[in-house]
């Protein structure tokens, strides 16, 4: 397995790029990349011709998260302005505006079935679920404080919810917090299940494995410099991957489930072979911290390959071919 650099778009935004997500292909379009920036815009890119297709405005502060619906037709962006904007990918028309209290939306993710949008709830330390048919808030999932903490240590700031991920069957949601804990929830029952422990610093990114036999496996990226691999149902830490020299800000899993990519504040993108449990490649196209890495869908021309995108504080977006 390897990553082959394809191209880098310099000055893709006017400020730091904090978020990236792929829009699945539709009958009218191949896969597209969404990016969100502190310049208050969301931009859409065609990886085959990396001139930006469109710039979406509508937020009045920086964009911290973007997510695409599995249909490839709608997407959502979240901003520090406390609004989630749901929009039509092709026309940029606003479909819904979801309001949250200040600093209450830090990361977004649609469930694989496309029926629910989850938002890691920032200062409320919760995950909010919106129904995508009518855009109504249907549940607020709250994690109890980890046991053994004194009341003085149970301050909300430590539980600030930073990241969110859906299990492949859509029945569970995991959320990572500022204090390093990961909370796992049962979605149909809207109940907290358990914590996953092992990180001691903020967990900024989570993703479940895409491999059919590993659907319980959860990957987490943390400021402690480690990527953890958990069995999210059995509450066990399978392994810890280390190699980045600083905060790991983003993790994503390849469509074949054989590799993960990470982006970190050491300015590098790393490709990890999960069988070897080691980094097999280090890419250094960025000159500042890498906030987002995202694998695209498999290529129609080669089902064993896909694209990877990375986005950075250096305002650039890089594209790679994974094979």
C-alpha atoms as a PDB file:
ATOM      1  CA  UNK A   1       0.000   0.000   0.000  1.00  0.00           C
ATOM      2  CA  UNK A   2       1.215   3.472  -0.758  1.00  0.00           C
ATOM      3  CA  UNK A   3       0.186   7.084  -1.224  1.00  0.00           C
ATOM      4  CA  UNK A   4       1.242   8.767  -4.463  1.00  0.00           C
ATOM      5  CA  UNK A   5       1.067  12.591  -4.301  1.00  0.00           C
ATOM      6  CA  UNK A   6      -1.115  13.967  -7.119  1.00  0.00           C
ATOM      7  CA  UNK A   7      -1.348  17.720  -6.615  1.00  0.00           C
ATOM      8  CA  UNK A   8      -1.483  20.459  -4.009  1.00  0.00           C
ATOM      9  CA  UNK A   9      -3.730  23.508  -4.229  1.00  0.00           C
ATOM     10  CA  UNK A  10      -1.899  26.413  -2.570  1.00  0.00           C
ATOM     11  CA  UNK A  11      -4.056  29.179  -1.034  1.00  0.00           C
ATOM     12  CA  UNK A  12      -7.134  26.986  -1.380  1.00  0.00           C
ATOM     13  CA  UNK A  13      -8.705  29.271   1.259  1.00  0.00           C
ATOM     14  CA  UNK A  14      -7.845  32.709   2.630  1.00  0.00           C
ATOM     15  CA  UNK A  15      -7.174  31.320   6.125  1.00  0.00           C
ATOM     16  CA  UNK A  16      -6.459  28.028   7.932  1.00  0.00           C
ATOM     17  CA  UNK A  17      -8.413  24.993   6.681  1.00  0.00           C
ATOM     18  CA  UNK A  18      -9.800  23.023   9.585  1.00  0.00           C
ATOM     19  CA  UNK A  19     -12.159  20.555   7.930  1.00  0.00           C
ATOM     20  CA  UNK A  20     -12.442  18.312   4.882  1.00  0.00           C
ATOM     21  CA  UNK A  21     -14.954  15.657   3.798  1.00  0.00           C
ATOM     22  CA  UNK A  22     -15.722  13.809   0.576  1.00  0.00           C
ATOM     23  CA  UNK A  23     -19.091  14.076  -1.163  1.00  0.00           C
ATOM     24  CA  UNK A  24     -19.992  10.650  -2.600  1.00  0.00           C
ATOM     25  CA  UNK A  25     -20.477  10.455  -6.398  1.00  0.00           C
ATOM     26  CA  UNK A  26     -23.929  10.922  -7.950  1.00  0.00           C
ATOM     27  CA  UNK A  27     -25.259  10.319 -11.487  1.00  0.00           C
ATOM     28  CA  UNK A  28     -24.300  13.917 -12.313  1.00  0.00           C
ATOM     29  CA  UNK A  29     -20.896  14.119 -10.674  1.00  0.00           C
ATOM     30  CA  UNK A  30     -17.868  12.157  -9.502  1.00  0.00           C
ATOM     31  CA  UNK A  31     -16.679  12.434  -5.889  1.00  0.00           C
ATOM     32  CA  UNK A  32     -16.036  16.007  -4.737  1.00  0.00           C
ATOM     33  CA  UNK A  33     -14.136  17.372  -1.763  1.00  0.00           C
ATOM     34  CA  UNK A  34     -15.669  19.796   0.728  1.00  0.00           C
ATOM     35  CA  UNK A  35     -13.345  22.004   2.781  1.00  0.00           C
ATOM     36  CA  UNK A  36     -14.160  24.397   5.627  1.00  0.00           C
ATOM     37  CA  UNK A  37     -11.947  27.245   6.753  1.00  0.00           C
ATOM     38  CA  UNK A  38     -11.492  29.961   9.328  1.00  0.00           C
ATOM     39  CA  UNK A  39     -12.117  32.350   6.384  1.00  0.00           C
ATOM     40  CA  UNK A  40     -15.843  31.583   7.049  1.00  0.00           C
ATOM     41  CA  UNK A  41     -16.381  29.727   3.757  1.00  0.00           C
ATOM     42  CA  UNK A  42     -16.976  26.176   2.568  1.00  0.00           C
ATOM     43  CA  UNK A  43     -15.445  25.283  -0.785  1.00  0.00           C
ATOM     44  CA  UNK A  44     -16.125  22.427  -3.177  1.00  0.00           C
ATOM     45  CA  UNK A  45     -13.343  20.847  -5.251  1.00  0.00           C
ATOM     46  CA  UNK A  46     -13.128  18.442  -8.177  1.00  0.00           C
ATOM     47  CA  UNK A  47      -9.957  16.401  -7.525  1.00  0.00           C
ATOM     48  CA  UNK A  48      -9.445  15.806 -11.265  1.00  0.00           C
ATOM     49  CA  UNK A  49      -9.394  19.536 -11.963  1.00  0.00           C
ATOM     50  CA  UNK A  50      -8.557  21.219  -8.692  1.00  0.00           C
ATOM     51  CA  UNK A  51      -9.907  24.664  -9.482  1.00  0.00           C
ATOM     52  CA  UNK A  52     -12.589  25.261  -6.920  1.00  0.00           C
ATOM     53  CA  UNK A  53     -16.088  24.539  -8.224  1.00  0.00           C
ATOM     54  CA  UNK A  54     -17.848  26.885  -5.848  1.00  0.00           C
ATOM     55  CA  UNK A  55     -17.479  28.872  -2.655  1.00  0.00           C
ATOM     56  CA  UNK A  56     -20.317  28.672  -0.150  1.00  0.00           C
ATOM     57  CA  UNK A  57     -20.807  31.566   2.213  1.00  0.00           C
ATOM     58  CA  UNK A  58     -23.404  31.817   4.943  1.00  0.00           C
ATOM     59  CA  UNK A  59     -21.387  31.620   8.154  1.00  0.00           C
ATOM     60  CA  UNK A  60     -20.173  34.715   9.986  1.00  0.00           C
ATOM     61  CA  UNK A  61     -17.302  32.962  11.818  1.00  0.00           C
ATOM     62  CA  UNK A  62     -14.831  30.192  11.010  1.00  0.00           C
ATOM     63  CA  UNK A  63     -16.057  26.803   9.761  1.00  0.00           C
ATOM     64  CA  UNK A  64     -14.894  23.984  12.049  1.00  0.00           C
ATOM     65  CA  UNK A  65     -16.571  20.958  10.458  1.00  0.00           C
ATOM     66  CA  UNK A  66     -18.070  19.764   7.168  1.00  0.00           C
ATOM     67  CA  UNK A  67     -19.983  16.540   6.462  1.00  0.00           C
ATOM     68  CA  UNK A  68     -21.620  15.032   3.389  1.00  0.00           C
ATOM     69  CA  UNK A  69     -24.815  12.985   3.246  1.00  0.00           C
ATOM     70  CA  UNK A  70     -24.377   9.446   1.820  1.00  0.00           C
ATOM     71  CA  UNK A  71     -26.598  10.404  -1.152  1.00  0.00           C
ATOM     72  CA  UNK A  72     -23.998  12.934  -2.289  1.00  0.00           C
ATOM     73  CA  UNK A  73     -26.746  15.523  -2.747  1.00  0.00           C
ATOM     74  CA  UNK A  74     -26.710  17.399   0.537  1.00  0.00           C
ATOM     75  CA  UNK A  75     -24.014  18.436   2.978  1.00  0.00           C
ATOM     76  CA  UNK A  76     -23.664  20.330   6.247  1.00  0.00           C
ATOM     77  CA  UNK A  77     -21.178  22.775   7.712  1.00  0.00           C
ATOM     78  CA  UNK A  78     -20.733  23.890  11.324  1.00  0.00           C
ATOM     79  CA  UNK A  79     -19.204  27.144  12.443  1.00  0.00           C
ATOM     80  CA  UNK A  80     -18.025  28.865  15.590  1.00  0.00           C
ATOM     81  CA  UNK A  81     -21.042  31.163  14.937  1.00  0.00           C
ATOM     82  CA  UNK A  82     -23.212  28.399  16.542  1.00  0.00           C
ATOM     83  CA  UNK A  83     -25.077  27.509  13.365  1.00  0.00           C
ATOM     84  CA  UNK A  84     -25.154  24.318  11.312  1.00  0.00           C
ATOM     85  CA  UNK A  85     -25.980  25.071   7.690  1.00  0.00           C
ATOM     86  CA  UNK A  86     -27.463  22.223   5.633  1.00  0.00           C
ATOM     87  CA  UNK A  87     -27.243  22.875   1.907  1.00  0.00           C
ATOM     88  CA  UNK A  88     -27.778  21.400  -1.544  1.00  0.00           C
ATOM     89  CA  UNK A  89     -24.361  20.401  -2.936  1.00  0.00           C
ATOM     90  CA  UNK A  90     -25.189  21.218  -6.572  1.00  0.00           C
ATOM     91  CA  UNK A  91     -26.897  24.597  -6.059  1.00  0.00           C
ATOM     92  CA  UNK A  92     -25.604  25.714  -2.633  1.00  0.00           C
ATOM     93  CA  UNK A  93     -29.225  26.505  -1.677  1.00  0.00           C
ATOM     94  CA  UNK A  94     -29.794  26.384   2.088  1.00  0.00           C
ATOM     95  CA  UNK A  95     -32.034  23.460   3.078  1.00  0.00           C
ATOM     96  CA  UNK A  96     -32.011  24.037   6.836  1.00  0.00           C
ATOM     97  CA  UNK A  97     -30.260  26.127   9.460  1.00  0.00           C
ATOM     98  CA  UNK A  98     -29.868  24.374  12.797  1.00  0.00           C
ATOM     99  CA  UNK A  99     -29.131  26.596  15.747  1.00  0.00           C
ATOM    100  CA  UNK A 100     -27.030  25.520  18.705  1.00  0.00           C
ATOM    101  CA  UNK A 101     -25.870  27.504  21.756  1.00  0.00           C
ATOM    102  CA  UNK A 102     -22.419  29.139  21.491  1.00  0.00           C
ATOM    103  CA  UNK A 103     -19.495  26.729  20.956  1.00  0.00           C
ATOM    104  CA  UNK A 104     -21.935  23.839  20.963  1.00  0.00           C
ATOM    105  CA  UNK A 105     -21.055  22.264  17.614  1.00  0.00           C
ATOM    106  CA  UNK A 106     -17.532  21.070  17.060  1.00  0.00           C
ATOM    107  CA  UNK A 107     -17.849  18.155  14.635  1.00  0.00           C
ATOM    108  CA  UNK A 108     -20.570  16.786  12.352  1.00  0.00           C
ATOM    109  CA  UNK A 109     -21.214  13.336  10.892  1.00  0.00           C
ATOM    110  CA  UNK A 110     -24.175  11.847   9.003  1.00  0.00           C
ATOM    111  CA  UNK A 111     -25.015   8.245   9.878  1.00  0.00           C
ATOM    112  CA  UNK A 112     -24.302   5.696   7.103  1.00  0.00           C
ATOM    113  CA  UNK A 113     -28.044   5.354   6.422  1.00  0.00           C
ATOM    114  CA  UNK A 114     -28.432   9.119   5.944  1.00  0.00           C
ATOM    115  CA  UNK A 115     -31.361   9.430   8.363  1.00  0.00           C
ATOM    116  CA  UNK A 116     -29.575  11.289  11.172  1.00  0.00           C
ATOM    117  CA  UNK A 117     -26.978  14.037  11.563  1.00  0.00           C
ATOM    118  CA  UNK A 118     -24.832  13.887  14.711  1.00  0.00           C
ATOM    119  CA  UNK A 119     -23.045  16.909  16.173  1.00  0.00           C
ATOM    120  CA  UNK A 120     -20.406  16.721  18.910  1.00  0.00           C
ATOM    121  CA  UNK A 121     -21.808  19.291  21.284  1.00  0.00           C
ATOM    122  CA  UNK A 122     -18.793  21.275  22.424  1.00  0.00           C
ATOM    123  CA  UNK A 123     -19.254  22.797  25.857  1.00  0.00           C
ATOM    124  CA  UNK A 124     -22.417  20.818  26.625  1.00  0.00           C
ATOM    125  CA  UNK A 125     -20.332  17.608  26.475  1.00  0.00           C
ATOM    126  CA  UNK A 126     -23.155  15.933  24.567  1.00  0.00           C
ATOM    127  CA  UNK A 127     -23.928  14.621  21.104  1.00  0.00           C
ATOM    128  CA  UNK A 128     -27.015  16.059  19.451  1.00  0.00           C
ATOM    129  CA  UNK A 129     -28.913  14.053  16.838  1.00  0.00           C
ATOM    130  CA  UNK A 130     -31.040  15.673  14.130  1.00  0.00           C
ATOM    131  CA  UNK A 131     -33.502  13.825  11.932  1.00  0.00           C
ATOM    132  CA  UNK A 132     -32.665  14.547   8.263  1.00  0.00           C
ATOM    133  CA  UNK A 133     -36.260  14.282   7.016  1.00  0.00           C
ATOM    134  CA  UNK A 134     -37.574  17.303   8.952  1.00  0.00           C
ATOM    135  CA  UNK A 135     -34.341  18.595  10.560  1.00  0.00           C
ATOM    136  CA  UNK A 136     -35.752  18.249  14.063  1.00  0.00           C
ATOM    137  CA  UNK A 137     -33.595  17.598  17.119  1.00  0.00           C
ATOM    138  CA  UNK A 138     -34.478  14.020  18.102  1.00  0.00           C
ATOM    139  CA  UNK A 139     -32.004  13.205  20.888  1.00  0.00           C
ATOM    140  CA  UNK A 140     -29.282  14.625  23.087  1.00  0.00           C
ATOM    141  CA  UNK A 141     -26.814  11.954  24.196  1.00  0.00           C
ATOM    142  CA  UNK A 142     -25.003  12.855  27.403  1.00  0.00           C
ATOM    143  CA  UNK A 143     -22.095  11.039  28.978  1.00  0.00           C
ATOM    144  CA  UNK A 144     -21.822  10.771  32.738  1.00  0.00           C
ATOM    145  CA  UNK A 145     -18.588  11.933  34.335  1.00  0.00           C
ATOM    146  CA  UNK A 146     -15.940   9.185  34.586  1.00  0.00           C
ATOM    147  CA  UNK A 147     -15.991   7.582  38.030  1.00  0.00           C
ATOM    148  CA  UNK A 148     -13.405   8.502  40.603  1.00  0.00           C
ATOM    149  CA  UNK A 149     -13.283  12.196  39.839  1.00  0.00           C
ATOM    150  CA  UNK A 150     -13.729  14.654  42.653  1.00  0.00           C
ATOM    151  CA  UNK A 151     -16.631  17.078  42.138  1.00  0.00           C
ATOM    152  CA  UNK A 152     -14.106  19.887  41.599  1.00  0.00           C
ATOM    153  CA  UNK A 153     -12.624  17.947  38.661  1.00  0.00           C
ATOM    154  CA  UNK A 154     -15.975  17.416  37.023  1.00  0.00           C
ATOM    155  CA  UNK A 155     -16.005  20.784  35.384  1.00  0.00           C
ATOM    156  CA  UNK A 156     -17.702  21.002  32.006  1.00  0.00           C
ATOM    157  CA  UNK A 157     -14.589  22.303  30.270  1.00  0.00           C
ATOM    158  CA  UNK A 158     -12.800  18.985  30.697  1.00  0.00           C
ATOM    159  CA  UNK A 159     -15.714  17.176  29.022  1.00  0.00           C
ATOM    160  CA  UNK A 160     -15.881  19.538  26.017  1.00  0.00           C
ATOM    161  CA  UNK A 161     -16.968  17.240  23.152  1.00  0.00           C
ATOM    162  CA  UNK A 162     -14.634  17.561  20.169  1.00  0.00           C
ATOM    163  CA  UNK A 163     -15.245  14.597  17.863  1.00  0.00           C
ATOM    164  CA  UNK A 164     -17.951  12.177  16.757  1.00  0.00           C
ATOM    165  CA  UNK A 165     -18.157   8.960  14.705  1.00  0.00           C
ATOM    166  CA  UNK A 166     -20.905   6.511  13.695  1.00  0.00           C
ATOM    167  CA  UNK A 167     -20.508   2.732  13.709  1.00  0.00           C
ATOM    168  CA  UNK A 168     -21.048   1.186  10.233  1.00  0.00           C
ATOM    169  CA  UNK A 169     -24.505  -0.144  11.193  1.00  0.00           C
ATOM    170  CA  UNK A 170     -25.554   3.254  12.571  1.00  0.00           C
ATOM    171  CA  UNK A 171     -26.493   1.776  15.939  1.00  0.00           C
ATOM    172  CA  UNK A 172     -23.670   3.363  17.922  1.00  0.00           C
ATOM    173  CA  UNK A 173     -22.079   6.776  18.168  1.00  0.00           C
ATOM    174  CA  UNK A 174     -18.692   7.488  19.725  1.00  0.00           C
ATOM    175  CA  UNK A 175     -17.665  10.923  20.964  1.00  0.00           C
ATOM    176  CA  UNK A 176     -14.209  12.135  21.985  1.00  0.00           C
ATOM    177  CA  UNK A 177     -13.692  14.763  24.679  1.00  0.00           C
ATOM    178  CA  UNK A 178     -11.176  17.362  25.776  1.00  0.00           C
ATOM    179  CA  UNK A 179     -10.176  15.264  28.811  1.00  0.00           C
ATOM    180  CA  UNK A 180      -9.168  12.282  26.634  1.00  0.00           C
ATOM    181  CA  UNK A 181     -12.191  10.092  27.318  1.00  0.00           C
ATOM    182  CA  UNK A 182     -14.263   8.527  24.550  1.00  0.00           C
ATOM    183  CA  UNK A 183     -17.959   7.919  25.206  1.00  0.00           C
ATOM    184  CA  UNK A 184     -19.908   5.229  23.328  1.00  0.00           C
ATOM    185  CA  UNK A 185     -23.704   5.517  22.988  1.00  0.00           C
ATOM    186  CA  UNK A 186     -26.487   3.142  21.945  1.00  0.00           C
ATOM    187  CA  UNK A 187     -28.424   5.242  19.432  1.00  0.00           C
ATOM    188  CA  UNK A 188     -31.781   3.345  19.196  1.00  0.00           C
ATOM    189  CA  UNK A 189     -32.123   3.521  22.990  1.00  0.00           C
ATOM    190  CA  UNK A 190     -30.437   6.960  23.215  1.00  0.00           C
ATOM    191  CA  UNK A 191     -28.372   5.634  26.123  1.00  0.00           C
ATOM    192  CA  UNK A 192     -24.748   5.954  27.261  1.00  0.00           C
ATOM    193  CA  UNK A 193     -22.983   2.559  27.097  1.00  0.00           C
ATOM    194  CA  UNK A 194     -19.421   3.031  28.381  1.00  0.00           C
ATOM    195  CA  UNK A 195     -16.199   5.013  28.268  1.00  0.00           C
ATOM    196  CA  UNK A 196     -13.048   4.008  26.401  1.00  0.00           C
ATOM    197  CA  UNK A 197      -9.984   5.118  28.298  1.00  0.00           C
ATOM    198  CA  UNK A 198      -6.303   5.417  27.521  1.00  0.00           C
ATOM    199  CA  UNK A 199      -5.809   8.927  26.161  1.00  0.00           C
ATOM    200  CA  UNK A 200      -4.789  11.659  28.573  1.00  0.00           C
ATOM    201  CA  UNK A 201      -5.293  14.647  26.232  1.00  0.00           C
ATOM    202  CA  UNK A 202      -8.010  15.869  23.817  1.00  0.00           C
ATOM    203  CA  UNK A 203      -9.412  13.335  21.334  1.00  0.00           C
ATOM    204  CA  UNK A 204      -9.894  15.385  18.163  1.00  0.00           C
ATOM    205  CA  UNK A 205     -10.836  12.716  15.644  1.00  0.00           C
ATOM    206  CA  UNK A 206     -12.587   9.327  15.612  1.00  0.00           C
ATOM    207  CA  UNK A 207     -13.466   6.840  12.879  1.00  0.00           C
ATOM    208  CA  UNK A 208     -14.850   3.285  12.883  1.00  0.00           C
ATOM    209  CA  UNK A 209     -13.213   0.645  10.698  1.00  0.00           C
ATOM    210  CA  UNK A 210     -14.653   0.149   7.210  1.00  0.00           C
ATOM    211  CA  UNK A 211     -13.618  -3.538   7.108  1.00  0.00           C
ATOM    212  CA  UNK A 212     -16.710  -5.815   7.339  1.00  0.00           C
ATOM    213  CA  UNK A 213     -15.167  -8.060  10.007  1.00  0.00           C
ATOM    214  CA  UNK A 214     -13.852  -5.144  12.053  1.00  0.00           C
ATOM    215  CA  UNK A 215     -16.992  -3.028  12.436  1.00  0.00           C
ATOM    216  CA  UNK A 216     -16.447  -2.806  16.225  1.00  0.00           C
ATOM    217  CA  UNK A 217     -12.967  -1.350  15.737  1.00  0.00           C
ATOM    218  CA  UNK A 218     -12.643   2.362  16.511  1.00  0.00           C
ATOM    219  CA  UNK A 219      -9.601   4.547  15.749  1.00  0.00           C
ATOM    220  CA  UNK A 220      -8.919   7.678  17.794  1.00  0.00           C
ATOM    221  CA  UNK A 221      -6.443  10.544  17.305  1.00  0.00           C
ATOM    222  CA  UNK A 222      -5.292  12.566  20.287  1.00  0.00           C
ATOM    223  CA  UNK A 223      -3.125  15.489  21.339  1.00  0.00           C
ATOM    224  CA  UNK A 224      -1.052  12.968  23.331  1.00  0.00           C
ATOM    225  CA  UNK A 225       0.593  12.012  20.008  1.00  0.00           C
ATOM    226  CA  UNK A 226      -0.970   8.553  19.830  1.00  0.00           C
ATOM    227  CA  UNK A 227      -3.556   6.837  17.671  1.00  0.00           C
ATOM    228  CA  UNK A 228      -5.493   4.227  19.628  1.00  0.00           C
ATOM    229  CA  UNK A 229      -7.237   1.194  18.168  1.00  0.00           C
ATOM    230  CA  UNK A 230     -10.157   0.029  20.337  1.00  0.00           C
ATOM    231  CA  UNK A 231     -12.711  -2.727  20.312  1.00  0.00           C
ATOM    232  CA  UNK A 232     -15.524  -0.276  21.022  1.00  0.00           C
ATOM    233  CA  UNK A 233     -17.975  -2.962  22.178  1.00  0.00           C
ATOM    234  CA  UNK A 234     -15.665  -4.893  24.462  1.00  0.00           C
ATOM    235  CA  UNK A 235     -14.102  -1.705  25.861  1.00  0.00           C
ATOM    236  CA  UNK A 236     -10.587  -2.960  25.116  1.00  0.00           C
ATOM    237  CA  UNK A 237      -7.555  -1.137  23.753  1.00  0.00           C
ATOM    238  CA  UNK A 238      -6.229  -3.339  20.923  1.00  0.00           C
ATOM    239  CA  UNK A 239      -3.073  -1.341  20.241  1.00  0.00           C
ATOM    240  CA  UNK A 240      -1.563   2.133  20.343  1.00  0.00           C
ATOM    241  CA  UNK A 241       0.256   3.581  17.330  1.00  0.00           C
ATOM    242  CA  UNK A 242       2.927   6.211  17.876  1.00  0.00           C
ATOM    243  CA  UNK A 243       5.258   8.079  15.569  1.00  0.00           C
ATOM    244  CA  UNK A 244       3.948  11.621  15.255  1.00  0.00           C
ATOM    245  CA  UNK A 245       6.055  14.065  17.248  1.00  0.00           C
ATOM    246  CA  UNK A 246       3.095  16.206  18.248  1.00  0.00           C
ATOM    247  CA  UNK A 247      -0.710  16.379  18.453  1.00  0.00           C
ATOM    248  CA  UNK A 248      -2.563  13.984  16.128  1.00  0.00           C
ATOM    249  CA  UNK A 249      -5.434  16.075  14.799  1.00  0.00           C
ATOM    250  CA  UNK A 250      -7.178  13.777  12.323  1.00  0.00           C
ATOM    251  CA  UNK A 251      -7.552  10.092  11.474  1.00  0.00           C
ATOM    252  CA  UNK A 252      -9.422   8.327   8.671  1.00  0.00           C
ATOM    253  CA  UNK A 253      -9.630   4.716   7.493  1.00  0.00           C
ATOM    254  CA  UNK A 254      -9.172   3.535   3.904  1.00  0.00           C
ATOM    255  CA  UNK A 255     -12.216   2.041   2.118  1.00  0.00           C
ATOM    256  CA  UNK A 256     -10.557  -1.397   2.127  1.00  0.00           C
ATOM    257  CA  UNK A 257     -10.024  -1.181   5.902  1.00  0.00           C
ATOM    258  CA  UNK A 258      -6.332  -2.099   5.544  1.00  0.00           C
ATOM    259  CA  UNK A 259      -4.829   1.292   6.358  1.00  0.00           C
ATOM    260  CA  UNK A 260      -5.402   4.520   8.227  1.00  0.00           C
ATOM    261  CA  UNK A 261      -4.105   7.989   7.460  1.00  0.00           C
ATOM    262  CA  UNK A 262      -3.344  10.601  10.101  1.00  0.00           C
ATOM    263  CA  UNK A 263      -2.647  14.320  10.037  1.00  0.00           C
ATOM    264  CA  UNK A 264      -0.811  16.061  12.855  1.00  0.00           C
ATOM    265  CA  UNK A 265       0.578  19.317  14.129  1.00  0.00           C
ATOM    266  CA  UNK A 266       4.075  18.060  13.212  1.00  0.00           C
ATOM    267  CA  UNK A 267       2.988  19.069   9.640  1.00  0.00           C
ATOM    268  CA  UNK A 268       3.034  15.476   8.362  1.00  0.00           C
ATOM    269  CA  UNK A 269       0.517  13.033   6.897  1.00  0.00           C
ATOM    270  CA  UNK A 270       1.229   9.404   7.753  1.00  0.00           C
ATOM    271  CA  UNK A 271      -0.071   6.175   6.225  1.00  0.00           C
ATOM    272  CA  UNK A 272      -0.291   3.239   8.643  1.00  0.00           C
ATOM    273  CA  UNK A 273      -0.478  -0.439   7.681  1.00  0.00           C
ATOM    274  CA  UNK A 274      -2.882  -1.970  10.200  1.00  0.00           C
ATOM    275  CA  UNK A 275      -1.503  -5.509   9.832  1.00  0.00           C
ATOM    276  CA  UNK A 276       2.029  -4.273  10.520  1.00  0.00           C
ATOM    277  CA  UNK A 277       0.751  -1.772  13.102  1.00  0.00           C
ATOM    278  CA  UNK A 278       3.298   0.706  11.793  1.00  0.00           C
ATOM    279  CA  UNK A 279       3.582   3.831   9.665  1.00  0.00           C
ATOM    280  CA  UNK A 280       4.731   2.864   6.173  1.00  0.00           C
ATOM    281  CA  UNK A 281       4.878   6.356   4.686  1.00  0.00           C
ATOM    282  CA  UNK A 282       5.390   9.923   5.892  1.00  0.00           C
ATOM    283  CA  UNK A 283       4.328  12.755   3.574  1.00  0.00           C
ATOM    284  CA  UNK A 284       5.518  16.300   4.132  1.00  0.00           C
ATOM    285  CA  UNK A 285       3.782  18.437   1.504  1.00  0.00           C
ATOM    286  CA  UNK A 286       2.363  20.805   4.162  1.00  0.00           C
ATOM    287  CA  UNK A 287       4.262  23.593   5.919  1.00  0.00           C
ATOM    288  CA  UNK A 288       1.938  23.869   8.929  1.00  0.00           C
ATOM    289  CA  UNK A 289      -0.240  21.588  11.032  1.00  0.00           C
ATOM    290  CA  UNK A 290      -2.556  19.183   9.183  1.00  0.00           C
ATOM    291  CA  UNK A 291      -6.099  19.514  10.543  1.00  0.00           C
ATOM    292  CA  UNK A 292      -7.876  17.065   8.252  1.00  0.00           C
ATOM    293  CA  UNK A 293      -7.234  13.853   6.338  1.00  0.00           C
ATOM    294  CA  UNK A 294     -10.066  12.170   4.407  1.00  0.00           C
ATOM    295  CA  UNK A 295     -10.182   9.079   2.203  1.00  0.00           C
ATOM    296  CA  UNK A 296     -12.511   9.315  -0.783  1.00  0.00           C
ATOM    297  CA  UNK A 297     -14.655   6.522  -2.229  1.00  0.00           C
ATOM    298  CA  UNK A 298     -12.985   3.799  -4.335  1.00  0.00           C
ATOM    299  CA  UNK A 299     -12.164   4.859  -7.886  1.00  0.00           C
ATOM    300  CA  UNK A 300     -14.450   3.551 -10.645  1.00  0.00           C
ATOM    301  CA  UNK A 301     -11.389   3.010 -12.849  1.00  0.00           C
ATOM    302  CA  UNK A 302      -9.592   0.948 -10.192  1.00  0.00           C
ATOM    303  CA  UNK A 303     -11.602  -0.519  -7.330  1.00  0.00           C
ATOM    304  CA  UNK A 304      -8.429  -1.173  -5.308  1.00  0.00           C
ATOM    305  CA  UNK A 305      -7.560   2.528  -5.282  1.00  0.00           C
ATOM    306  CA  UNK A 306      -9.037   5.720  -3.880  1.00  0.00           C
ATOM    307  CA  UNK A 307      -8.065   9.321  -3.271  1.00  0.00           C
ATOM    308  CA  UNK A 308      -6.892  10.857  -0.010  1.00  0.00           C
ATOM    309  CA  UNK A 309      -7.094  14.566   0.730  1.00  0.00           C
ATOM    310  CA  UNK A 310      -5.327  16.546   3.445  1.00  0.00           C
ATOM    311  CA  UNK A 311      -5.957  20.129   4.580  1.00  0.00           C
ATOM    312  CA  UNK A 312      -3.760  22.373   6.661  1.00  0.00           C
ATOM    313  CA  UNK A 313      -3.225  25.601   8.540  1.00  0.00           C
ATOM    314  CA  UNK A 314      -0.963  26.523   5.598  1.00  0.00           C
ATOM    315  CA  UNK A 315      -4.213  27.155   3.591  1.00  0.00           C
ATOM    316  CA  UNK A 316      -3.448  24.339   1.143  1.00  0.00           C
ATOM    317  CA  UNK A 317      -5.245  21.140   0.145  1.00  0.00           C
ATOM    318  CA  UNK A 318      -3.243  18.148  -1.084  1.00  0.00           C
ATOM    319  CA  UNK A 319      -4.535  15.153  -3.054  1.00  0.00           C
ATOM    320  CA  UNK A 320      -2.946  11.679  -3.102  1.00  0.00           C
ATOM    321  CA  UNK A 321      -3.773   8.351  -4.727  1.00  0.00           C
ATOM    322  CA  UNK A 322      -3.958   5.410  -2.303  1.00  0.00           C
ATOM    323  CA  UNK A 323      -3.385   1.970  -3.789  1.00  0.00           C
END
